[in-house]
Amino acid sequence: MGERLPEAWLVEWHRNQRVEFPLRRWAYLFPSMLPFALIGLGALPRLFYSDWRVTSYVLFAVYVVVGAGVIWQLITQRPVVVVDHRGIHYGRRRFMAWDDISSIDLPHGPRMTRQLPIHPKDVWAKRLVLTQNHVSDLESFRTWLTALLTDHRQTPSTEDPTT
């Protein structure tokens, strides 16, 4: 969904009241894996011929574990950003309800690592930061999320507050 136009997001929203944005493999690969691979491949031959053998093996193990984690994320396309009637989910653990959102800031940062911060009403709560790893056009995504937030604020909640 992250490569599609906002019209496709809107169609999916009206059809299912839910839009999923899986991890975009190429957008995730270059900023995260390329520096890691270049540094690791350049230093790998030196690790086994150094006087610090134990350190070399530990560094190699860390390199393999981090590399396996990145490859696992590329295969499963996780974490997934889900926008539904309750709010915005980032993976399994990060969630911000529509009622808890104060504002959606403008995208900022360098071209390859742009970020879209979503600020909560509670000043002590963590903000939710979405990146181009899920959506290619963060400006359109911000406009779409702002429209959903405005729509949610204007419609009265049908949920019972006592439950």
N, C-alpha and C. Protein backbone atom coordinates (compact mmCIF):
# COMPACT_ATOMS: atom_id res chain seq x y z
N MET A 1 0.80 -1.20 0.00
CA MET A 1 0.00 0.00 0.00
C MET A 1 0.85 1.26 0.00
N GLY A 2 2.06 1.19 0.51
CA GLY A 2 2.89 2.38 0.64
C GLY A 2 3.36 2.96 -0.67
N GLU A 3 3.34 2.16 -1.73
CA GLU A 3 3.75 2.64 -3.04
C GLU A 3 2.57 3.20 -3.84
N ARG A 4 1.37 2.93 -3.38
CA ARG A 4 0.17 3.36 -4.12
C ARG A 4 -0.18 4.81 -3.82
N LEU A 5 -1.14 5.32 -4.60
CA LEU A 5 -1.61 6.68 -4.43
C LEU A 5 -2.61 6.78 -3.28
N PRO A 6 -2.80 7.98 -2.74
CA PRO A 6 -3.76 8.15 -1.64
C PRO A 6 -5.18 7.72 -2.00
N GLU A 7 -5.54 7.75 -3.27
CA GLU A 7 -6.87 7.30 -3.67
C GLU A 7 -7.05 5.82 -3.35
N ALA A 8 -6.01 5.02 -3.53
CA ALA A 8 -6.08 3.59 -3.20
C ALA A 8 -6.22 3.40 -1.69
N TRP A 9 -5.56 4.25 -0.89
CA TRP A 9 -5.71 4.16 0.55
C TRP A 9 -7.15 4.46 0.95
N LEU A 10 -7.74 5.48 0.30
CA LEU A 10 -9.11 5.86 0.61
C LEU A 10 -10.10 4.76 0.24
N VAL A 11 -9.88 4.12 -0.90
CA VAL A 11 -10.75 3.02 -1.32
C VAL A 11 -10.65 1.87 -0.32
N GLU A 12 -9.43 1.53 0.08
CA GLU A 12 -9.24 0.46 1.07
C GLU A 12 -9.86 0.83 2.41
N TRP A 13 -9.76 2.10 2.79
CA TRP A 13 -10.35 2.57 4.05
C TRP A 13 -11.86 2.42 4.03
N HIS A 14 -12.50 2.82 2.92
CA HIS A 14 -13.96 2.73 2.84
C HIS A 14 -14.42 1.28 2.74
N ARG A 15 -13.60 0.43 2.17
CA ARG A 15 -13.97 -0.98 2.02
C ARG A 15 -13.84 -1.74 3.34
N ASN A 16 -12.72 -1.55 4.06
CA ASN A 16 -12.43 -2.37 5.24
C ASN A 16 -12.31 -1.59 6.55
N GLN A 17 -12.36 -0.26 6.49
CA GLN A 17 -12.10 0.58 7.66
C GLN A 17 -10.71 0.27 8.25
N ARG A 18 -9.78 -0.12 7.36
CA ARG A 18 -8.44 -0.50 7.79
C ARG A 18 -7.51 -0.47 6.58
N VAL A 19 -6.33 0.11 6.76
CA VAL A 19 -5.33 0.14 5.70
C VAL A 19 -4.01 -0.32 6.30
N GLU A 20 -3.37 -1.30 5.67
CA GLU A 20 -2.09 -1.82 6.13
C GLU A 20 -0.97 -1.34 5.21
N PHE A 21 0.11 -0.91 5.83
CA PHE A 21 1.30 -0.47 5.10
C PHE A 21 2.47 -1.35 5.53
N PRO A 22 2.75 -2.43 4.78
CA PRO A 22 3.87 -3.29 5.17
C PRO A 22 5.20 -2.60 4.88
N LEU A 23 6.26 -3.17 5.41
CA LEU A 23 7.60 -2.64 5.22
C LEU A 23 7.96 -2.70 3.74
N ARG A 24 8.37 -1.57 3.20
CA ARG A 24 8.82 -1.52 1.80
C ARG A 24 10.26 -1.99 1.77
N ARG A 25 10.50 -3.11 1.11
CA ARG A 25 11.81 -3.75 1.18
C ARG A 25 12.94 -2.86 0.70
N TRP A 26 12.81 -2.24 -0.45
CA TRP A 26 13.91 -1.45 -1.00
C TRP A 26 14.14 -0.19 -0.18
N ALA A 27 13.09 0.40 0.34
CA ALA A 27 13.25 1.61 1.15
C ALA A 27 13.94 1.27 2.47
N TYR A 28 13.71 0.08 2.98
CA TYR A 28 14.32 -0.33 4.24
C TYR A 28 15.75 -0.81 4.03
N LEU A 29 16.01 -1.43 2.90
CA LEU A 29 17.29 -2.07 2.65
C LEU A 29 18.44 -1.07 2.59
N PHE A 30 18.29 -0.01 1.82
CA PHE A 30 19.41 0.89 1.61
C PHE A 30 19.85 1.65 2.85
N PRO A 31 18.95 2.32 3.59
CA PRO A 31 19.46 3.05 4.76
C PRO A 31 19.94 2.15 5.88
N SER A 32 19.40 0.94 6.00
CA SER A 32 19.76 0.11 7.14
C SER A 32 20.84 -0.92 6.82
N MET A 33 20.76 -1.55 5.68
CA MET A 33 21.64 -2.68 5.41
C MET A 33 22.91 -2.28 4.66
N LEU A 34 22.86 -1.29 3.81
CA LEU A 34 24.01 -0.96 2.99
C LEU A 34 25.23 -0.52 3.81
N PRO A 35 25.10 0.43 4.74
CA PRO A 35 26.29 0.79 5.55
C PRO A 35 26.77 -0.39 6.40
N PHE A 36 25.83 -1.14 6.93
CA PHE A 36 26.15 -2.31 7.74
C PHE A 36 26.95 -3.32 6.93
N ALA A 37 26.53 -3.58 5.70
CA ALA A 37 27.21 -4.55 4.85
C ALA A 37 28.60 -4.05 4.43
N LEU A 38 28.71 -2.78 4.08
CA LEU A 38 30.00 -2.25 3.65
C LEU A 38 31.03 -2.25 4.78
N ILE A 39 30.63 -1.84 5.95
CA ILE A 39 31.55 -1.83 7.09
C ILE A 39 31.92 -3.26 7.49
N GLY A 40 30.91 -4.11 7.54
CA GLY A 40 31.16 -5.49 7.95
C GLY A 40 32.02 -6.26 6.97
N LEU A 41 31.75 -6.14 5.71
CA LEU A 41 32.53 -6.87 4.72
C LEU A 41 33.96 -6.35 4.62
N GLY A 42 34.15 -5.08 4.87
CA GLY A 42 35.50 -4.53 4.86
C GLY A 42 36.31 -4.96 6.07
N ALA A 43 35.65 -5.11 7.21
CA ALA A 43 36.36 -5.45 8.45
C ALA A 43 36.42 -6.95 8.70
N LEU A 44 35.62 -7.73 8.02
CA LEU A 44 35.53 -9.16 8.28
C LEU A 44 36.86 -9.90 8.11
N PRO A 45 37.60 -9.68 7.03
CA PRO A 45 38.88 -10.41 6.92
C PRO A 45 39.87 -10.06 8.02
N ARG A 46 39.85 -8.83 8.51
CA ARG A 46 40.78 -8.42 9.54
C ARG A 46 40.45 -9.02 10.91
N LEU A 47 39.17 -9.39 11.10
CA LEU A 47 38.77 -9.91 12.40
C LEU A 47 39.49 -11.20 12.76
N PHE A 48 39.66 -12.10 11.80
CA PHE A 48 40.20 -13.41 12.10
C PHE A 48 41.73 -13.44 12.13
N TYR A 49 42.37 -12.38 11.68
CA TYR A 49 43.82 -12.34 11.67
C TYR A 49 44.38 -11.33 12.67
N SER A 50 43.55 -10.95 13.63
CA SER A 50 44.02 -10.00 14.62
C SER A 50 44.49 -10.73 15.87
N ASP A 51 45.10 -10.00 16.77
CA ASP A 51 45.57 -10.57 18.03
C ASP A 51 44.43 -10.69 19.04
N TRP A 52 43.32 -10.10 18.75
CA TRP A 52 42.19 -10.09 19.67
C TRP A 52 41.16 -11.11 19.19
N ARG A 53 41.43 -12.35 19.30
CA ARG A 53 40.57 -13.40 18.75
C ARG A 53 39.18 -13.44 19.42
N VAL A 54 39.12 -13.33 20.71
CA VAL A 54 37.84 -13.40 21.39
C VAL A 54 36.95 -12.24 20.98
N THR A 55 37.51 -11.05 20.93
CA THR A 55 36.77 -9.88 20.49
C THR A 55 36.31 -10.06 19.04
N SER A 56 37.16 -10.64 18.22
CA SER A 56 36.81 -10.87 16.83
C SER A 56 35.61 -11.79 16.70
N TYR A 57 35.60 -12.87 17.47
CA TYR A 57 34.48 -13.80 17.40
C TYR A 57 33.18 -13.18 17.93
N VAL A 58 33.30 -12.37 18.98
CA VAL A 58 32.11 -11.70 19.51
C VAL A 58 31.57 -10.71 18.48
N LEU A 59 32.44 -9.94 17.86
CA LEU A 59 32.01 -8.99 16.83
C LEU A 59 31.38 -9.71 15.64
N PHE A 60 31.95 -10.84 15.26
CA PHE A 60 31.39 -11.61 14.16
C PHE A 60 30.00 -12.14 14.53
N ALA A 61 29.83 -12.60 15.76
CA ALA A 61 28.53 -13.10 16.21
C ALA A 61 27.49 -11.98 16.21
N VAL A 62 27.88 -10.80 16.69
CA VAL A 62 26.97 -9.65 16.68
C VAL A 62 26.60 -9.29 15.25
N TYR A 63 27.57 -9.30 14.37
CA TYR A 63 27.33 -9.00 12.95
C TYR A 63 26.33 -9.98 12.34
N VAL A 64 26.49 -11.26 12.65
CA VAL A 64 25.58 -12.28 12.11
C VAL A 64 24.18 -12.12 12.68
N VAL A 65 24.06 -11.85 13.98
CA VAL A 65 22.74 -11.72 14.61
C VAL A 65 22.01 -10.49 14.07
N VAL A 66 22.70 -9.37 13.97
CA VAL A 66 22.06 -8.16 13.45
C VAL A 66 21.68 -8.36 11.98
N GLY A 67 22.55 -8.97 11.21
CA GLY A 67 22.25 -9.25 9.81
C GLY A 67 21.05 -10.17 9.66
N ALA A 68 20.96 -11.19 10.51
CA ALA A 68 19.82 -12.10 10.47
C ALA A 68 18.52 -11.37 10.83
N GLY A 69 18.59 -10.45 11.79
CA GLY A 69 17.41 -9.66 12.14
C GLY A 69 16.92 -8.79 11.00
N VAL A 70 17.85 -8.15 10.31
CA VAL A 70 17.49 -7.30 9.17
C VAL A 70 16.91 -8.16 8.05
N ILE A 71 17.51 -9.29 7.78
CA ILE A 71 17.00 -10.18 6.73
C ILE A 71 15.61 -10.70 7.10
N TRP A 72 15.39 -11.02 8.38
CA TRP A 72 14.07 -11.47 8.83
C TRP A 72 13.02 -10.38 8.61
N GLN A 73 13.36 -9.14 8.88
CA GLN A 73 12.42 -8.05 8.64
C GLN A 73 12.14 -7.88 7.16
N LEU A 74 13.15 -8.07 6.33
CA LEU A 74 12.94 -7.95 4.89
C LEU A 74 12.03 -9.06 4.37
N ILE A 75 12.16 -10.26 4.89
CA ILE A 75 11.34 -11.38 4.43
C ILE A 75 9.90 -11.23 4.89
N THR A 76 9.70 -10.92 6.17
CA THR A 76 8.34 -10.86 6.72
C THR A 76 7.65 -9.52 6.50
N GLN A 77 8.40 -8.50 6.08
CA GLN A 77 7.90 -7.13 5.88
C GLN A 77 7.26 -6.58 7.15
N ARG A 78 7.87 -6.84 8.28
CA ARG A 78 7.39 -6.36 9.55
C ARG A 78 8.41 -5.40 10.14
N PRO A 79 8.03 -4.44 10.91
CA PRO A 79 6.71 -4.15 11.46
C PRO A 79 5.80 -3.48 10.42
N VAL A 80 4.51 -3.68 10.59
CA VAL A 80 3.49 -3.14 9.69
C VAL A 80 2.82 -1.94 10.35
N VAL A 81 2.60 -0.90 9.57
CA VAL A 81 1.82 0.24 10.05
C VAL A 81 0.38 0.00 9.62
N VAL A 82 -0.54 0.03 10.59
CA VAL A 82 -1.96 -0.19 10.32
C VAL A 82 -2.73 1.03 10.78
N VAL A 83 -3.54 1.57 9.88
CA VAL A 83 -4.43 2.67 10.20
C VAL A 83 -5.84 2.09 10.19
N ASP A 84 -6.52 2.13 11.33
CA ASP A 84 -7.88 1.59 11.39
C ASP A 84 -8.79 2.54 12.15
N HIS A 85 -10.00 2.10 12.46
CA HIS A 85 -10.99 2.96 13.11
C HIS A 85 -10.60 3.33 14.55
N ARG A 86 -9.69 2.57 15.17
CA ARG A 86 -9.25 2.86 16.54
C ARG A 86 -8.10 3.85 16.59
N GLY A 87 -7.20 3.79 15.59
CA GLY A 87 -6.04 4.67 15.61
C GLY A 87 -4.95 4.17 14.67
N ILE A 88 -3.71 4.45 15.03
CA ILE A 88 -2.56 4.09 14.22
C ILE A 88 -1.71 3.10 15.00
N HIS A 89 -1.46 1.94 14.40
CA HIS A 89 -0.65 0.90 15.02
C HIS A 89 0.69 0.84 14.29
N TYR A 90 1.77 0.78 15.03
CA TYR A 90 3.09 0.59 14.45
C TYR A 90 3.65 -0.69 15.06
N GLY A 91 3.58 -1.76 14.29
CA GLY A 91 3.99 -3.06 14.81
C GLY A 91 2.95 -3.56 15.80
N ARG A 92 3.39 -4.42 16.70
CA ARG A 92 2.47 -4.98 17.68
C ARG A 92 2.38 -4.17 18.96
N ARG A 93 3.41 -3.38 19.24
CA ARG A 93 3.47 -2.74 20.55
C ARG A 93 3.15 -1.26 20.55
N ARG A 94 3.40 -0.56 19.48
CA ARG A 94 3.18 0.89 19.45
C ARG A 94 1.80 1.18 18.88
N PHE A 95 1.01 1.95 19.59
CA PHE A 95 -0.34 2.30 19.18
C PHE A 95 -0.67 3.69 19.69
N MET A 96 -1.34 4.47 18.84
CA MET A 96 -1.84 5.77 19.26
C MET A 96 -3.28 5.90 18.78
N ALA A 97 -4.20 6.03 19.72
CA ALA A 97 -5.62 6.15 19.39
C ALA A 97 -5.88 7.53 18.79
N TRP A 98 -6.96 7.62 18.00
CA TRP A 98 -7.31 8.90 17.37
C TRP A 98 -7.55 9.97 18.42
N ASP A 99 -8.16 9.59 19.55
CA ASP A 99 -8.45 10.57 20.60
C ASP A 99 -7.19 11.06 21.31
N ASP A 100 -6.10 10.30 21.22
CA ASP A 100 -4.86 10.67 21.89
C ASP A 100 -3.93 11.52 21.03
N ILE A 101 -4.27 11.70 19.75
CA ILE A 101 -3.40 12.44 18.84
C ILE A 101 -3.64 13.94 18.98
N SER A 102 -2.57 14.67 19.25
CA SER A 102 -2.65 16.13 19.33
C SER A 102 -2.46 16.74 17.94
N SER A 103 -1.37 16.35 17.27
CA SER A 103 -1.10 16.91 15.95
C SER A 103 -0.22 15.95 15.16
N ILE A 104 -0.25 16.15 13.86
CA ILE A 104 0.60 15.39 12.95
C ILE A 104 1.53 16.41 12.31
N ASP A 105 2.80 16.29 12.61
CA ASP A 105 3.78 17.28 12.19
C ASP A 105 4.14 17.09 10.71
N LEU A 106 4.83 18.07 10.15
CA LEU A 106 5.30 17.96 8.77
C LEU A 106 6.46 16.97 8.70
N PRO A 107 6.57 16.24 7.59
CA PRO A 107 7.72 15.35 7.44
C PRO A 107 9.02 16.15 7.40
N HIS A 108 10.05 15.60 8.01
CA HIS A 108 11.33 16.28 8.02
C HIS A 108 12.47 15.26 7.97
N GLY A 109 13.65 15.75 7.66
CA GLY A 109 14.83 14.90 7.61
C GLY A 109 15.36 14.77 6.19
N PRO A 110 16.51 14.11 6.05
CA PRO A 110 17.08 13.90 4.72
C PRO A 110 16.18 13.03 3.85
N ARG A 111 16.40 13.06 2.56
CA ARG A 111 15.53 12.40 1.59
C ARG A 111 15.36 10.91 1.86
N MET A 112 16.41 10.20 2.19
CA MET A 112 16.33 8.75 2.37
C MET A 112 15.76 8.35 3.74
N THR A 113 15.81 9.23 4.71
CA THR A 113 15.36 8.87 6.06
C THR A 113 14.35 9.88 6.62
N ARG A 114 13.43 10.31 5.79
CA ARG A 114 12.41 11.27 6.25
C ARG A 114 11.53 10.64 7.32
N GLN A 115 11.06 11.47 8.24
CA GLN A 115 10.23 11.01 9.34
C GLN A 115 8.97 11.85 9.44
N LEU A 116 7.88 11.20 9.85
CA LEU A 116 6.60 11.86 10.07
C LEU A 116 6.22 11.68 11.54
N PRO A 117 6.47 12.70 12.39
CA PRO A 117 6.14 12.56 13.80
C PRO A 117 4.65 12.83 14.07
N ILE A 118 4.07 12.00 14.91
CA ILE A 118 2.69 12.16 15.35
C ILE A 118 2.73 12.40 16.85
N HIS A 119 2.29 13.58 17.26
CA HIS A 119 2.43 14.00 18.65
C HIS A 119 1.17 13.65 19.45
N PRO A 120 1.35 13.10 20.66
CA PRO A 120 0.19 12.80 21.52
C PRO A 120 -0.26 14.03 22.30
N LYS A 121 -1.48 13.97 22.81
CA LYS A 121 -1.99 15.05 23.66
C LYS A 121 -1.26 15.09 24.99
N ASP A 122 -0.95 13.92 25.52
CA ASP A 122 -0.21 13.82 26.77
C ASP A 122 1.26 14.16 26.51
N VAL A 123 1.74 15.22 27.13
CA VAL A 123 3.11 15.67 26.86
C VAL A 123 4.16 14.68 27.36
N TRP A 124 3.79 13.79 28.27
CA TRP A 124 4.74 12.81 28.80
C TRP A 124 4.76 11.53 27.99
N ALA A 125 3.81 11.35 27.10
CA ALA A 125 3.76 10.13 26.29
C ALA A 125 4.74 10.25 25.13
N LYS A 126 5.15 9.11 24.61
CA LYS A 126 6.07 9.10 23.48
C LYS A 126 5.32 9.42 22.20
N ARG A 127 5.98 10.13 21.32
CA ARG A 127 5.38 10.40 20.02
C ARG A 127 5.59 9.18 19.12
N LEU A 128 4.75 9.07 18.14
CA LEU A 128 4.84 7.97 17.18
C LEU A 128 5.52 8.53 15.93
N VAL A 129 6.60 7.89 15.50
CA VAL A 129 7.37 8.37 14.36
C VAL A 129 7.27 7.34 13.24
N LEU A 130 6.71 7.77 12.12
CA LEU A 130 6.61 6.90 10.94
C LEU A 130 7.65 7.35 9.93
N THR A 131 8.20 6.41 9.17
CA THR A 131 9.26 6.72 8.22
C THR A 131 8.85 6.29 6.82
N GLN A 132 9.75 6.56 5.88
CA GLN A 132 9.51 6.16 4.50
C GLN A 132 9.71 4.67 4.30
N ASN A 133 10.00 3.94 5.34
CA ASN A 133 10.10 2.49 5.23
C ASN A 133 8.74 1.86 4.93
N HIS A 134 7.67 2.61 5.18
CA HIS A 134 6.32 2.08 4.95
C HIS A 134 5.56 2.82 3.86
N VAL A 135 5.76 4.12 3.75
CA VAL A 135 5.03 4.94 2.79
C VAL A 135 6.04 5.80 2.04
N SER A 136 5.95 5.78 0.72
CA SER A 136 6.93 6.54 -0.07
C SER A 136 6.68 8.04 -0.03
N ASP A 137 5.43 8.47 -0.05
CA ASP A 137 5.10 9.89 -0.08
C ASP A 137 4.53 10.31 1.28
N LEU A 138 5.41 10.78 2.15
CA LEU A 138 4.99 11.14 3.50
C LEU A 138 4.12 12.39 3.54
N GLU A 139 4.27 13.30 2.57
CA GLU A 139 3.42 14.49 2.55
C GLU A 139 1.97 14.10 2.29
N SER A 140 1.75 13.23 1.31
CA SER A 140 0.39 12.75 1.03
C SER A 140 -0.16 11.94 2.19
N PHE A 141 0.71 11.15 2.81
CA PHE A 141 0.29 10.34 3.95
C PHE A 141 -0.13 11.24 5.11
N ARG A 142 0.60 12.31 5.34
CA ARG A 142 0.24 13.26 6.39
C ARG A 142 -1.11 13.90 6.09
N THR A 143 -1.32 14.32 4.85
CA THR A 143 -2.59 14.94 4.46
C THR A 143 -3.74 13.96 4.68
N TRP A 144 -3.53 12.70 4.29
CA TRP A 144 -4.57 11.68 4.44
C TRP A 144 -4.87 11.41 5.91
N LEU A 145 -3.81 11.28 6.73
CA LEU A 145 -4.01 11.05 8.16
C LEU A 145 -4.68 12.24 8.84
N THR A 146 -4.32 13.45 8.43
CA THR A 146 -4.95 14.65 8.99
C THR A 146 -6.43 14.69 8.66
N ALA A 147 -6.78 14.30 7.44
CA ALA A 147 -8.20 14.25 7.05
C ALA A 147 -8.95 13.20 7.88
N LEU A 148 -8.33 12.04 8.10
CA LEU A 148 -8.97 11.02 8.94
C LEU A 148 -9.11 11.50 10.38
N LEU A 149 -8.09 12.19 10.89
CA LEU A 149 -8.15 12.71 12.25
C LEU A 149 -9.25 13.76 12.38
N THR A 150 -9.36 14.65 11.41
CA THR A 150 -10.41 15.66 11.42
C THR A 150 -11.78 15.01 11.36
N ASP A 151 -11.92 14.01 10.51
CA ASP A 151 -13.19 13.30 10.38
C ASP A 151 -13.54 12.58 11.69
N HIS A 152 -12.55 12.00 12.33
CA HIS A 152 -12.80 11.31 13.60
C HIS A 152 -13.21 12.30 14.70
N ARG A 153 -12.61 13.47 14.71
CA ARG A 153 -12.95 14.46 15.73
C ARG A 153 -14.34 15.05 15.52
N GLN A 154 -14.79 15.10 14.26
CA GLN A 154 -16.10 15.69 13.98
C GLN A 154 -17.25 14.73 14.21
N THR A 155 -17.01 13.43 14.06
CA THR A 155 -18.08 12.46 14.26
C THR A 155 -18.10 12.04 15.72
N PRO A 156 -19.28 11.98 16.32
CA PRO A 156 -19.35 11.56 17.71
C PRO A 156 -19.03 10.07 17.84
N SER A 157 -18.40 9.73 18.94
CA SER A 157 -18.00 8.34 19.18
C SER A 157 -19.24 7.50 19.51
N THR A 158 -19.32 6.32 18.88
CA THR A 158 -20.46 5.43 19.12
C THR A 158 -20.12 4.38 20.18
N GLU A 159 -18.89 4.38 20.68
CA GLU A 159 -18.50 3.41 21.67
C GLU A 159 -18.98 3.86 23.06
N ASP A 160 -19.31 2.89 23.88
CA ASP A 160 -19.75 3.16 25.25
C ASP A 160 -18.53 3.46 26.11
N PRO A 161 -18.44 4.65 26.73
CA PRO A 161 -17.24 4.99 27.50
C PRO A 161 -17.06 4.15 28.76
N THR A 162 -18.11 3.44 29.21
CA THR A 162 -17.99 2.64 30.43
C THR A 162 -17.34 1.30 30.18
N THR A 163 -17.18 0.90 28.88
CA THR A 163 -16.57 -0.42 28.63
C THR A 163 -15.11 -0.30 28.41
